[in-house]
N, C-alpha and C. Protein backbone atom coordinates (compact mmCIF):
# COMPACT_ATOMS: atom_id res chain seq x y z
N MET A 1 20.03 -17.81 16.35
CA MET A 1 19.99 -18.36 15.01
C MET A 1 19.27 -17.36 14.10
N PRO A 2 19.87 -17.03 12.95
CA PRO A 2 19.24 -16.08 12.04
C PRO A 2 17.97 -16.66 11.41
N ARG A 3 17.12 -15.74 11.00
CA ARG A 3 15.88 -16.18 10.32
C ARG A 3 16.20 -16.67 8.92
N THR A 4 15.37 -17.55 8.44
CA THR A 4 15.51 -18.04 7.07
C THR A 4 15.21 -16.92 6.09
N ALA A 5 16.08 -16.77 5.12
CA ALA A 5 15.87 -15.73 4.11
C ALA A 5 14.65 -16.07 3.27
N ARG A 6 13.92 -15.04 2.89
CA ARG A 6 12.78 -15.23 2.00
C ARG A 6 13.21 -14.88 0.59
N PHE A 7 12.69 -15.61 -0.35
CA PHE A 7 13.05 -15.37 -1.74
C PHE A 7 11.84 -14.86 -2.50
N PHE A 8 12.06 -13.85 -3.31
CA PHE A 8 11.00 -13.22 -4.08
C PHE A 8 11.38 -13.25 -5.55
N PRO A 9 10.39 -13.15 -6.42
CA PRO A 9 10.71 -13.12 -7.85
C PRO A 9 11.53 -11.88 -8.19
N VAL A 10 12.32 -11.98 -9.24
CA VAL A 10 13.13 -10.84 -9.68
C VAL A 10 12.22 -9.71 -10.14
N GLU A 11 11.12 -10.07 -10.78
CA GLU A 11 10.13 -9.09 -11.23
C GLU A 11 8.75 -9.65 -10.88
N GLY A 12 7.82 -8.75 -10.57
CA GLY A 12 6.46 -9.21 -10.30
C GLY A 12 5.74 -8.30 -9.33
N TYR A 13 4.51 -8.68 -9.03
CA TYR A 13 3.65 -7.90 -8.14
C TYR A 13 3.56 -8.58 -6.78
N ILE A 14 3.65 -7.77 -5.73
CA ILE A 14 3.59 -8.32 -4.37
C ILE A 14 2.76 -7.39 -3.49
N HIS A 15 1.87 -8.00 -2.71
CA HIS A 15 1.09 -7.27 -1.70
C HIS A 15 1.85 -7.43 -0.39
N VAL A 16 2.32 -6.32 0.16
CA VAL A 16 3.02 -6.36 1.45
C VAL A 16 2.19 -5.63 2.49
N TYR A 17 2.29 -6.09 3.72
CA TYR A 17 1.59 -5.44 4.81
C TYR A 17 2.38 -5.61 6.09
N SER A 18 2.37 -4.55 6.88
CA SER A 18 3.05 -4.52 8.17
C SER A 18 2.10 -3.95 9.20
N ARG A 19 2.17 -4.50 10.40
CA ARG A 19 1.27 -4.06 11.46
C ARG A 19 2.09 -3.52 12.63
N GLY A 20 1.51 -2.58 13.36
CA GLY A 20 2.14 -2.08 14.56
C GLY A 20 2.23 -3.17 15.62
N ASN A 21 3.30 -3.17 16.38
CA ASN A 21 3.49 -4.17 17.43
C ASN A 21 2.31 -4.14 18.40
N ASN A 22 1.78 -5.30 18.72
CA ASN A 22 0.61 -5.41 19.59
C ASN A 22 -0.57 -4.60 19.06
N ARG A 23 -0.64 -4.48 17.75
CA ARG A 23 -1.69 -3.70 17.06
C ARG A 23 -1.69 -2.23 17.48
N ARG A 24 -0.55 -1.77 17.91
CA ARG A 24 -0.37 -0.39 18.34
C ARG A 24 -0.54 0.56 17.14
N LYS A 25 -1.08 1.74 17.40
CA LYS A 25 -1.22 2.73 16.34
C LYS A 25 0.15 3.22 15.88
N LEU A 26 0.32 3.22 14.59
CA LEU A 26 1.56 3.69 13.97
C LEU A 26 1.49 5.17 13.64
N PHE A 27 0.27 5.64 13.39
CA PHE A 27 0.05 7.02 12.95
C PHE A 27 -0.94 7.67 13.90
N LEU A 28 -0.48 8.66 14.64
CA LEU A 28 -1.33 9.33 15.62
C LEU A 28 -1.85 10.67 15.12
N TYR A 29 -1.10 11.29 14.23
CA TYR A 29 -1.44 12.62 13.72
C TYR A 29 -1.28 12.63 12.20
N PRO A 30 -1.94 13.57 11.53
CA PRO A 30 -1.77 13.66 10.07
C PRO A 30 -0.30 13.77 9.65
N ARG A 31 0.52 14.44 10.44
CA ARG A 31 1.93 14.58 10.06
C ARG A 31 2.65 13.22 10.04
N ASP A 32 2.17 12.27 10.86
CA ASP A 32 2.77 10.93 10.85
C ASP A 32 2.48 10.22 9.53
N PHE A 33 1.24 10.28 9.08
CA PHE A 33 0.88 9.68 7.79
C PHE A 33 1.72 10.32 6.68
N LYS A 34 1.82 11.64 6.72
CA LYS A 34 2.55 12.37 5.68
C LYS A 34 4.03 12.01 5.68
N MET A 35 4.61 11.84 6.87
CA MET A 35 6.02 11.46 6.95
C MET A 35 6.24 10.07 6.35
N PHE A 36 5.36 9.14 6.66
CA PHE A 36 5.49 7.79 6.09
C PHE A 36 5.42 7.86 4.56
N LEU A 37 4.49 8.65 4.05
CA LEU A 37 4.35 8.78 2.60
C LEU A 37 5.58 9.44 1.97
N GLN A 38 6.18 10.40 2.66
CA GLN A 38 7.41 11.02 2.15
C GLN A 38 8.54 9.98 2.08
N ILE A 39 8.65 9.19 3.13
CA ILE A 39 9.68 8.14 3.16
C ILE A 39 9.42 7.13 2.04
N LEU A 40 8.16 6.72 1.89
CA LEU A 40 7.78 5.77 0.85
C LEU A 40 8.13 6.31 -0.54
N ASP A 41 7.82 7.56 -0.79
CA ASP A 41 8.10 8.17 -2.09
C ASP A 41 9.59 8.20 -2.38
N LYS A 42 10.36 8.58 -1.39
CA LYS A 42 11.82 8.66 -1.56
C LYS A 42 12.43 7.27 -1.81
N LEU A 43 11.99 6.29 -1.02
CA LEU A 43 12.56 4.95 -1.14
C LEU A 43 12.13 4.24 -2.42
N LYS A 44 10.94 4.50 -2.89
CA LYS A 44 10.50 3.81 -4.11
C LYS A 44 11.41 4.18 -5.28
N LYS A 45 11.92 5.39 -5.25
CA LYS A 45 12.83 5.83 -6.32
C LYS A 45 14.22 5.21 -6.15
N SER A 46 14.74 5.26 -4.93
CA SER A 46 16.10 4.74 -4.72
C SER A 46 16.15 3.21 -4.76
N GLU A 47 15.07 2.55 -4.40
CA GLU A 47 15.07 1.08 -4.37
C GLU A 47 14.44 0.46 -5.62
N MET A 48 14.04 1.28 -6.56
CA MET A 48 13.51 0.82 -7.85
C MET A 48 12.30 -0.11 -7.71
N VAL A 49 11.32 0.32 -6.95
CA VAL A 49 10.05 -0.41 -6.89
C VAL A 49 8.95 0.51 -7.40
N LYS A 50 7.89 -0.08 -7.87
CA LYS A 50 6.72 0.68 -8.32
C LYS A 50 5.62 0.47 -7.30
N ILE A 51 4.95 1.56 -6.93
CA ILE A 51 3.84 1.50 -5.98
C ILE A 51 2.55 1.65 -6.78
N PHE A 52 1.73 0.61 -6.78
CA PHE A 52 0.48 0.64 -7.54
C PHE A 52 -0.72 0.98 -6.66
N HIS A 53 -0.78 0.43 -5.47
CA HIS A 53 -1.87 0.72 -4.53
C HIS A 53 -1.27 0.77 -3.13
N TYR A 54 -1.86 1.62 -2.28
CA TYR A 54 -1.43 1.65 -0.89
C TYR A 54 -2.58 2.15 -0.02
N CYS A 55 -2.49 1.82 1.25
CA CYS A 55 -3.40 2.38 2.24
C CYS A 55 -2.70 2.35 3.59
N LEU A 56 -2.64 3.50 4.23
CA LEU A 56 -2.06 3.60 5.56
C LEU A 56 -3.21 3.64 6.55
N MET A 57 -3.38 2.57 7.30
CA MET A 57 -4.40 2.51 8.34
C MET A 57 -3.74 2.94 9.65
N PRO A 58 -4.52 3.31 10.66
CA PRO A 58 -3.89 3.76 11.90
C PRO A 58 -2.87 2.78 12.49
N ASN A 59 -3.13 1.46 12.38
CA ASN A 59 -2.21 0.51 13.00
C ASN A 59 -1.54 -0.46 12.02
N HIS A 60 -1.76 -0.30 10.73
CA HIS A 60 -1.07 -1.14 9.76
C HIS A 60 -1.02 -0.47 8.39
N VAL A 61 -0.21 -1.07 7.53
CA VAL A 61 0.06 -0.51 6.20
C VAL A 61 -0.10 -1.61 5.16
N HIS A 62 -0.74 -1.29 4.04
CA HIS A 62 -0.84 -2.19 2.88
C HIS A 62 -0.22 -1.50 1.68
N ILE A 63 0.58 -2.25 0.93
CA ILE A 63 1.17 -1.72 -0.30
C ILE A 63 1.14 -2.84 -1.36
N LEU A 64 0.62 -2.53 -2.52
CA LEU A 64 0.73 -3.44 -3.66
C LEU A 64 1.79 -2.84 -4.57
N LEU A 65 2.91 -3.52 -4.66
CA LEU A 65 4.03 -2.95 -5.39
C LEU A 65 4.50 -3.87 -6.49
N GLY A 66 5.31 -3.30 -7.34
CA GLY A 66 5.91 -4.05 -8.44
C GLY A 66 7.41 -4.05 -8.29
N LEU A 67 7.98 -5.23 -8.37
CA LEU A 67 9.44 -5.35 -8.36
C LEU A 67 9.93 -5.30 -9.80
N VAL A 68 11.00 -4.58 -10.01
CA VAL A 68 11.64 -4.55 -11.32
C VAL A 68 13.03 -5.12 -11.15
N LYS A 69 13.65 -5.50 -12.23
CA LYS A 69 14.99 -6.07 -12.15
C LYS A 69 15.91 -5.14 -11.38
N GLY A 70 16.60 -5.68 -10.41
CA GLY A 70 17.51 -4.87 -9.61
C GLY A 70 16.93 -4.41 -8.29
N SER A 71 15.63 -4.56 -8.10
CA SER A 71 15.03 -4.15 -6.82
C SER A 71 15.06 -5.32 -5.84
N ASN A 72 15.02 -4.99 -4.55
CA ASN A 72 15.07 -6.01 -3.51
C ASN A 72 13.99 -5.69 -2.49
N LEU A 73 12.98 -6.52 -2.42
CA LEU A 73 11.84 -6.27 -1.53
C LEU A 73 12.25 -6.21 -0.07
N SER A 74 13.07 -7.14 0.37
CA SER A 74 13.47 -7.16 1.78
C SER A 74 14.21 -5.89 2.17
N THR A 75 15.12 -5.44 1.32
CA THR A 75 15.86 -4.21 1.60
C THR A 75 14.92 -3.01 1.61
N PHE A 76 14.01 -2.96 0.65
CA PHE A 76 13.04 -1.87 0.59
C PHE A 76 12.21 -1.80 1.87
N MET A 77 11.64 -2.93 2.29
CA MET A 77 10.79 -2.94 3.48
C MET A 77 11.59 -2.67 4.76
N LYS A 78 12.79 -3.19 4.81
CA LYS A 78 13.64 -2.95 5.98
C LYS A 78 13.91 -1.45 6.12
N ARG A 79 14.28 -0.80 5.03
CA ARG A 79 14.57 0.64 5.07
C ARG A 79 13.32 1.46 5.35
N LEU A 80 12.20 1.08 4.75
CA LEU A 80 10.94 1.79 4.97
C LEU A 80 10.54 1.73 6.44
N ASN A 81 10.49 0.53 6.98
CA ASN A 81 10.08 0.37 8.38
C ASN A 81 11.08 0.99 9.35
N LEU A 82 12.37 0.86 9.05
CA LEU A 82 13.39 1.44 9.92
C LEU A 82 13.33 2.96 9.92
N LYS A 83 13.24 3.57 8.75
CA LYS A 83 13.20 5.04 8.69
C LYS A 83 11.97 5.59 9.41
N TYR A 84 10.83 4.93 9.24
CA TYR A 84 9.64 5.41 9.94
C TYR A 84 9.77 5.17 11.45
N SER A 85 10.36 4.05 11.85
CA SER A 85 10.56 3.77 13.28
C SER A 85 11.44 4.84 13.93
N LEU A 86 12.49 5.24 13.23
CA LEU A 86 13.38 6.27 13.78
C LEU A 86 12.63 7.59 13.95
N TYR A 87 11.83 7.95 12.96
CA TYR A 87 11.00 9.16 13.07
C TYR A 87 10.05 9.04 14.25
N TYR A 88 9.36 7.92 14.36
CA TYR A 88 8.35 7.71 15.41
C TYR A 88 9.00 7.78 16.80
N ARG A 89 10.13 7.11 16.95
CA ARG A 89 10.81 7.10 18.25
C ARG A 89 11.28 8.50 18.65
N LYS A 90 11.77 9.24 17.68
CA LYS A 90 12.25 10.60 17.97
C LYS A 90 11.09 11.50 18.41
N LYS A 91 9.95 11.38 17.74
CA LYS A 91 8.79 12.21 18.07
C LYS A 91 8.15 11.83 19.40
N ARG A 92 8.22 10.57 19.77
CA ARG A 92 7.45 10.09 20.92
C ARG A 92 8.31 9.53 22.05
N THR A 93 9.61 9.60 21.93
CA THR A 93 10.51 8.96 22.90
C THR A 93 10.04 7.54 23.21
N TYR A 94 9.73 6.82 22.14
CA TYR A 94 9.23 5.44 22.23
C TYR A 94 10.41 4.49 22.25
N VAL A 95 10.34 3.46 23.10
CA VAL A 95 11.37 2.44 23.17
C VAL A 95 10.72 1.10 22.84
N GLY A 96 11.43 0.26 22.10
CA GLY A 96 10.90 -1.06 21.77
C GLY A 96 10.56 -1.19 20.30
N HIS A 97 10.00 -2.33 19.97
CA HIS A 97 9.63 -2.61 18.58
C HIS A 97 8.38 -1.84 18.19
N LEU A 98 8.45 -1.13 17.09
CA LEU A 98 7.28 -0.44 16.58
C LEU A 98 6.46 -1.39 15.71
N TRP A 99 7.14 -2.23 14.94
CA TRP A 99 6.47 -3.14 14.01
C TRP A 99 6.35 -4.52 14.61
N GLN A 100 5.28 -5.21 14.29
CA GLN A 100 5.04 -6.56 14.79
C GLN A 100 5.72 -7.56 13.85
N GLY A 101 6.92 -7.96 14.19
CA GLY A 101 7.65 -8.94 13.39
C GLY A 101 7.99 -8.44 12.00
N ARG A 102 8.30 -9.39 11.14
CA ARG A 102 8.64 -9.07 9.76
C ARG A 102 7.38 -8.69 8.99
N PHE A 103 7.57 -7.98 7.91
CA PHE A 103 6.44 -7.68 7.04
C PHE A 103 5.91 -8.98 6.46
N LYS A 104 4.64 -9.00 6.17
CA LYS A 104 4.00 -10.15 5.52
C LYS A 104 3.82 -9.81 4.05
N CYS A 105 3.75 -10.82 3.22
CA CYS A 105 3.57 -10.54 1.80
C CYS A 105 2.91 -11.70 1.08
N ARG A 106 2.39 -11.38 -0.07
CA ARG A 106 1.74 -12.36 -0.93
C ARG A 106 2.06 -12.00 -2.37
N ILE A 107 2.56 -12.95 -3.12
CA ILE A 107 2.86 -12.73 -4.53
C ILE A 107 1.54 -12.75 -5.29
N ILE A 108 1.36 -11.77 -6.16
CA ILE A 108 0.15 -11.65 -6.96
C ILE A 108 0.50 -12.07 -8.39
N GLU A 109 -0.09 -13.18 -8.83
CA GLU A 109 0.30 -13.73 -10.13
C GLU A 109 -0.74 -13.52 -11.23
N GLU A 110 -1.99 -13.35 -10.86
CA GLU A 110 -3.04 -13.25 -11.87
C GLU A 110 -3.62 -11.84 -11.91
N GLU A 111 -4.08 -11.42 -13.08
CA GLU A 111 -4.66 -10.09 -13.23
C GLU A 111 -5.86 -9.88 -12.31
N LEU A 112 -6.72 -10.88 -12.20
CA LEU A 112 -7.90 -10.76 -11.36
C LEU A 112 -7.50 -10.57 -9.89
N SER A 113 -6.47 -11.29 -9.46
CA SER A 113 -5.98 -11.13 -8.08
C SER A 113 -5.41 -9.74 -7.86
N PHE A 114 -4.74 -9.20 -8.88
CA PHE A 114 -4.18 -7.85 -8.78
C PHE A 114 -5.30 -6.84 -8.56
N ILE A 115 -6.36 -6.93 -9.35
CA ILE A 115 -7.48 -6.00 -9.23
C ILE A 115 -8.16 -6.15 -7.88
N ARG A 116 -8.40 -7.38 -7.47
CA ARG A 116 -9.06 -7.62 -6.18
C ARG A 116 -8.20 -7.16 -5.01
N CYS A 117 -6.90 -7.33 -5.14
CA CYS A 117 -5.99 -6.90 -4.07
C CYS A 117 -6.01 -5.37 -3.94
N GLY A 118 -5.95 -4.66 -5.07
CA GLY A 118 -6.03 -3.20 -5.03
C GLY A 118 -7.32 -2.73 -4.40
N LYS A 119 -8.41 -3.38 -4.75
CA LYS A 119 -9.72 -3.06 -4.18
C LYS A 119 -9.73 -3.32 -2.67
N TYR A 120 -9.21 -4.48 -2.28
CA TYR A 120 -9.14 -4.84 -0.86
C TYR A 120 -8.36 -3.77 -0.07
N ILE A 121 -7.23 -3.36 -0.62
CA ILE A 121 -6.39 -2.37 0.05
C ILE A 121 -7.15 -1.05 0.22
N GLU A 122 -7.77 -0.58 -0.85
CA GLU A 122 -8.40 0.74 -0.82
C GLU A 122 -9.74 0.76 -0.08
N LEU A 123 -10.34 -0.41 0.13
CA LEU A 123 -11.59 -0.46 0.91
C LEU A 123 -11.34 -0.70 2.40
N ASN A 124 -10.10 -0.86 2.80
CA ASN A 124 -9.77 -1.07 4.22
C ASN A 124 -10.40 -0.03 5.15
N PRO A 125 -10.29 1.26 4.86
CA PRO A 125 -10.87 2.26 5.77
C PRO A 125 -12.40 2.18 5.85
N VAL A 126 -13.04 1.75 4.77
CA VAL A 126 -14.50 1.60 4.77
C VAL A 126 -14.88 0.39 5.62
N LYS A 127 -14.19 -0.73 5.41
CA LYS A 127 -14.49 -1.95 6.16
C LYS A 127 -14.23 -1.76 7.66
N ALA A 128 -13.27 -0.89 8.00
CA ALA A 128 -12.94 -0.62 9.40
C ALA A 128 -13.83 0.47 10.00
N ASN A 129 -14.80 0.96 9.22
CA ASN A 129 -15.73 2.01 9.67
C ASN A 129 -15.04 3.32 10.05
N ILE A 130 -13.95 3.61 9.38
CA ILE A 130 -13.27 4.89 9.58
C ILE A 130 -13.94 5.96 8.72
N VAL A 131 -14.32 5.55 7.50
CA VAL A 131 -15.05 6.43 6.57
C VAL A 131 -16.17 5.63 5.92
N ARG A 132 -17.11 6.35 5.31
CA ARG A 132 -18.22 5.67 4.62
C ARG A 132 -17.89 5.36 3.17
N GLN A 133 -17.08 6.22 2.56
CA GLN A 133 -16.69 6.06 1.15
C GLN A 133 -15.17 6.10 1.05
N PRO A 134 -14.58 5.31 0.16
CA PRO A 134 -13.11 5.28 0.07
C PRO A 134 -12.50 6.63 -0.31
N GLN A 135 -13.23 7.47 -1.05
CA GLN A 135 -12.68 8.77 -1.44
C GLN A 135 -12.56 9.73 -0.25
N ASP A 136 -13.18 9.40 0.87
CA ASP A 136 -13.10 10.25 2.06
C ASP A 136 -11.85 9.97 2.90
N TYR A 137 -11.09 8.96 2.54
CA TYR A 137 -9.89 8.61 3.30
C TYR A 137 -8.66 9.15 2.57
N PRO A 138 -7.92 10.05 3.20
CA PRO A 138 -6.83 10.73 2.48
C PRO A 138 -5.53 9.94 2.33
N TYR A 139 -5.41 8.79 3.00
CA TYR A 139 -4.12 8.10 3.01
C TYR A 139 -4.17 6.79 2.23
N SER A 140 -4.74 6.85 1.03
CA SER A 140 -4.76 5.68 0.16
C SER A 140 -4.66 6.14 -1.29
N SER A 141 -4.48 5.18 -2.16
CA SER A 141 -4.34 5.47 -3.59
C SER A 141 -5.68 5.56 -4.31
N TYR A 142 -6.79 5.38 -3.61
CA TYR A 142 -8.10 5.33 -4.26
C TYR A 142 -8.39 6.57 -5.12
N CYS A 143 -8.18 7.75 -4.58
CA CYS A 143 -8.52 8.99 -5.31
C CYS A 143 -7.68 9.17 -6.57
N HIS A 144 -6.49 8.61 -6.57
CA HIS A 144 -5.64 8.67 -7.77
C HIS A 144 -6.34 7.98 -8.94
N TYR A 145 -6.83 6.77 -8.68
CA TYR A 145 -7.46 5.98 -9.74
C TYR A 145 -8.91 6.37 -10.00
N ALA A 146 -9.68 6.58 -8.95
CA ALA A 146 -11.12 6.77 -9.09
C ALA A 146 -11.53 8.20 -9.45
N LEU A 147 -10.72 9.17 -9.02
CA LEU A 147 -11.10 10.57 -9.23
C LEU A 147 -10.10 11.37 -10.05
N GLY A 148 -8.98 10.76 -10.38
CA GLY A 148 -7.98 11.45 -11.18
C GLY A 148 -7.16 12.47 -10.41
N ILE A 149 -7.17 12.39 -9.08
CA ILE A 149 -6.36 13.29 -8.26
C ILE A 149 -4.95 12.70 -8.20
N LYS A 150 -4.04 13.31 -8.90
CA LYS A 150 -2.70 12.74 -9.04
C LYS A 150 -2.01 12.59 -7.69
N ASP A 151 -1.44 11.41 -7.49
CA ASP A 151 -0.69 11.09 -6.29
C ASP A 151 0.72 10.73 -6.75
N PRO A 152 1.73 11.51 -6.36
CA PRO A 152 3.09 11.27 -6.85
C PRO A 152 3.66 9.91 -6.43
N ILE A 153 3.08 9.31 -5.42
CA ILE A 153 3.58 8.01 -4.96
C ILE A 153 3.13 6.89 -5.89
N VAL A 154 1.98 7.05 -6.51
CA VAL A 154 1.36 5.97 -7.29
C VAL A 154 1.90 5.93 -8.72
N ASP A 155 2.31 4.72 -9.11
CA ASP A 155 2.64 4.44 -10.51
C ASP A 155 1.39 3.80 -11.10
N ASP A 156 0.89 4.35 -12.21
CA ASP A 156 -0.33 3.80 -12.79
C ASP A 156 -0.18 2.32 -13.09
N SER A 157 -1.13 1.56 -12.62
CA SER A 157 -1.17 0.12 -12.86
C SER A 157 -1.39 -0.13 -14.35
N PRO A 158 -0.67 -1.09 -14.93
CA PRO A 158 -0.90 -1.40 -16.34
C PRO A 158 -2.35 -1.86 -16.57
N LEU A 159 -2.93 -2.53 -15.59
CA LEU A 159 -4.32 -2.98 -15.71
C LEU A 159 -5.27 -1.80 -15.70
N TYR A 160 -4.95 -0.79 -14.92
CA TYR A 160 -5.79 0.41 -14.87
C TYR A 160 -5.83 1.08 -16.24
N MET A 161 -4.69 1.13 -16.88
CA MET A 161 -4.61 1.78 -18.19
C MET A 161 -5.48 1.06 -19.23
N ASN A 162 -5.78 -0.21 -19.01
CA ASN A 162 -6.62 -0.98 -19.93
C ASN A 162 -8.11 -0.81 -19.67
N LEU A 163 -8.50 -0.05 -18.65
CA LEU A 163 -9.92 0.10 -18.31
C LEU A 163 -10.67 1.04 -19.24
N GLY A 164 -9.97 1.78 -20.05
CA GLY A 164 -10.63 2.70 -20.97
C GLY A 164 -9.62 3.47 -21.78
N SER A 165 -10.11 4.21 -22.76
CA SER A 165 -9.20 4.96 -23.64
C SER A 165 -8.96 6.38 -23.16
N THR A 166 -9.79 6.86 -22.21
CA THR A 166 -9.60 8.21 -21.66
C THR A 166 -9.52 8.13 -20.14
N ASP A 167 -9.00 9.19 -19.54
CA ASP A 167 -8.93 9.24 -18.08
C ASP A 167 -10.31 9.09 -17.45
N VAL A 168 -11.29 9.81 -17.99
CA VAL A 168 -12.65 9.78 -17.45
C VAL A 168 -13.24 8.37 -17.53
N GLU A 169 -13.03 7.70 -18.64
CA GLU A 169 -13.52 6.33 -18.82
C GLU A 169 -12.88 5.38 -17.81
N ARG A 170 -11.56 5.50 -17.64
CA ARG A 170 -10.85 4.65 -16.69
C ARG A 170 -11.33 4.90 -15.26
N GLN A 171 -11.50 6.16 -14.91
CA GLN A 171 -11.97 6.49 -13.55
C GLN A 171 -13.36 5.92 -13.29
N LEU A 172 -14.24 6.03 -14.24
CA LEU A 172 -15.59 5.50 -14.10
C LEU A 172 -15.57 3.98 -13.92
N HIS A 173 -14.83 3.29 -14.77
CA HIS A 173 -14.73 1.83 -14.65
C HIS A 173 -14.08 1.43 -13.33
N TYR A 174 -13.09 2.18 -12.91
CA TYR A 174 -12.43 1.85 -11.64
C TYR A 174 -13.40 1.97 -10.47
N ARG A 175 -14.17 3.05 -10.44
CA ARG A 175 -15.16 3.22 -9.37
C ARG A 175 -16.17 2.08 -9.39
N GLU A 176 -16.58 1.65 -10.57
CA GLU A 176 -17.52 0.53 -10.68
C GLU A 176 -16.92 -0.75 -10.11
N ILE A 177 -15.64 -0.98 -10.37
CA ILE A 177 -14.97 -2.18 -9.86
C ILE A 177 -14.91 -2.15 -8.34
N VAL A 178 -14.55 -1.01 -7.78
CA VAL A 178 -14.32 -0.93 -6.34
C VAL A 178 -15.60 -0.78 -5.54
N ILE A 179 -16.50 0.11 -5.97
CA ILE A 179 -17.69 0.35 -5.15
C ILE A 179 -19.01 0.10 -5.87
N GLY A 180 -18.94 -0.36 -7.11
CA GLY A 180 -20.17 -0.62 -7.87
C GLY A 180 -20.88 -1.89 -7.43
N GLU A 181 -21.97 -2.18 -8.09
CA GLU A 181 -22.80 -3.34 -7.75
C GLU A 181 -22.06 -4.65 -7.90
N ASP A 182 -21.14 -4.73 -8.85
CA ASP A 182 -20.40 -5.97 -9.07
C ASP A 182 -19.14 -6.06 -8.20
N ALA A 183 -19.04 -5.18 -7.24
CA ALA A 183 -17.82 -5.11 -6.43
C ALA A 183 -17.90 -5.97 -5.18
N ASP A 184 -18.57 -7.12 -5.27
CA ASP A 184 -18.75 -7.93 -4.07
C ASP A 184 -17.74 -9.06 -3.94
N LYS A 185 -16.83 -9.20 -4.85
CA LYS A 185 -15.82 -10.25 -4.76
C LYS A 185 -14.79 -9.87 -3.71
N GLU A 186 -14.48 -10.80 -2.85
CA GLU A 186 -13.54 -10.54 -1.76
C GLU A 186 -12.14 -11.02 -2.12
N PHE A 187 -11.17 -10.37 -1.58
CA PHE A 187 -9.77 -10.77 -1.70
C PHE A 187 -9.33 -11.21 -0.31
N ARG A 188 -8.73 -12.34 -0.20
CA ARG A 188 -8.32 -12.87 1.11
C ARG A 188 -6.80 -12.81 1.25
N ILE A 189 -6.37 -12.39 2.44
CA ILE A 189 -4.92 -12.41 2.70
C ILE A 189 -4.62 -13.49 3.72
């Protein structure tokens, strides 16, 4: 019996996450992270989605994306996970499911939830004790927003653009939101 189709808004923000099967590591070497990011960059253009925040953890992936008219989240995630699975299997002669079931997602409807979700995504490596500071983790969108290091995968969040009138102002406010004293609000998935 086929699975029930999931329905998503025609336009809107969605936090998607996928985990390795049995919490298996998806990325073993830097080249694996880079390959996933290359696939993500290519697909975001062909599938007409906007990537606002992301973080590739060793055994799971978080993406906060924007759907635009004409984009299809299920098709995007299917192609993303399939293309990376094919790469992974070829490199490792791996047999079986790489991903643990279908991707999970949460529709983000409020501005505050959007900000908290981006923060949650980018603080994942810190919370997992992989790094002490989010800027030390190379596989997330944090440095794009907080330090102004351009990341071709990231589409500037409309909310980020409202944080200040200059790049420096926006970066400062963003760092305060994510790692400042008032950054204690949690986002739950």
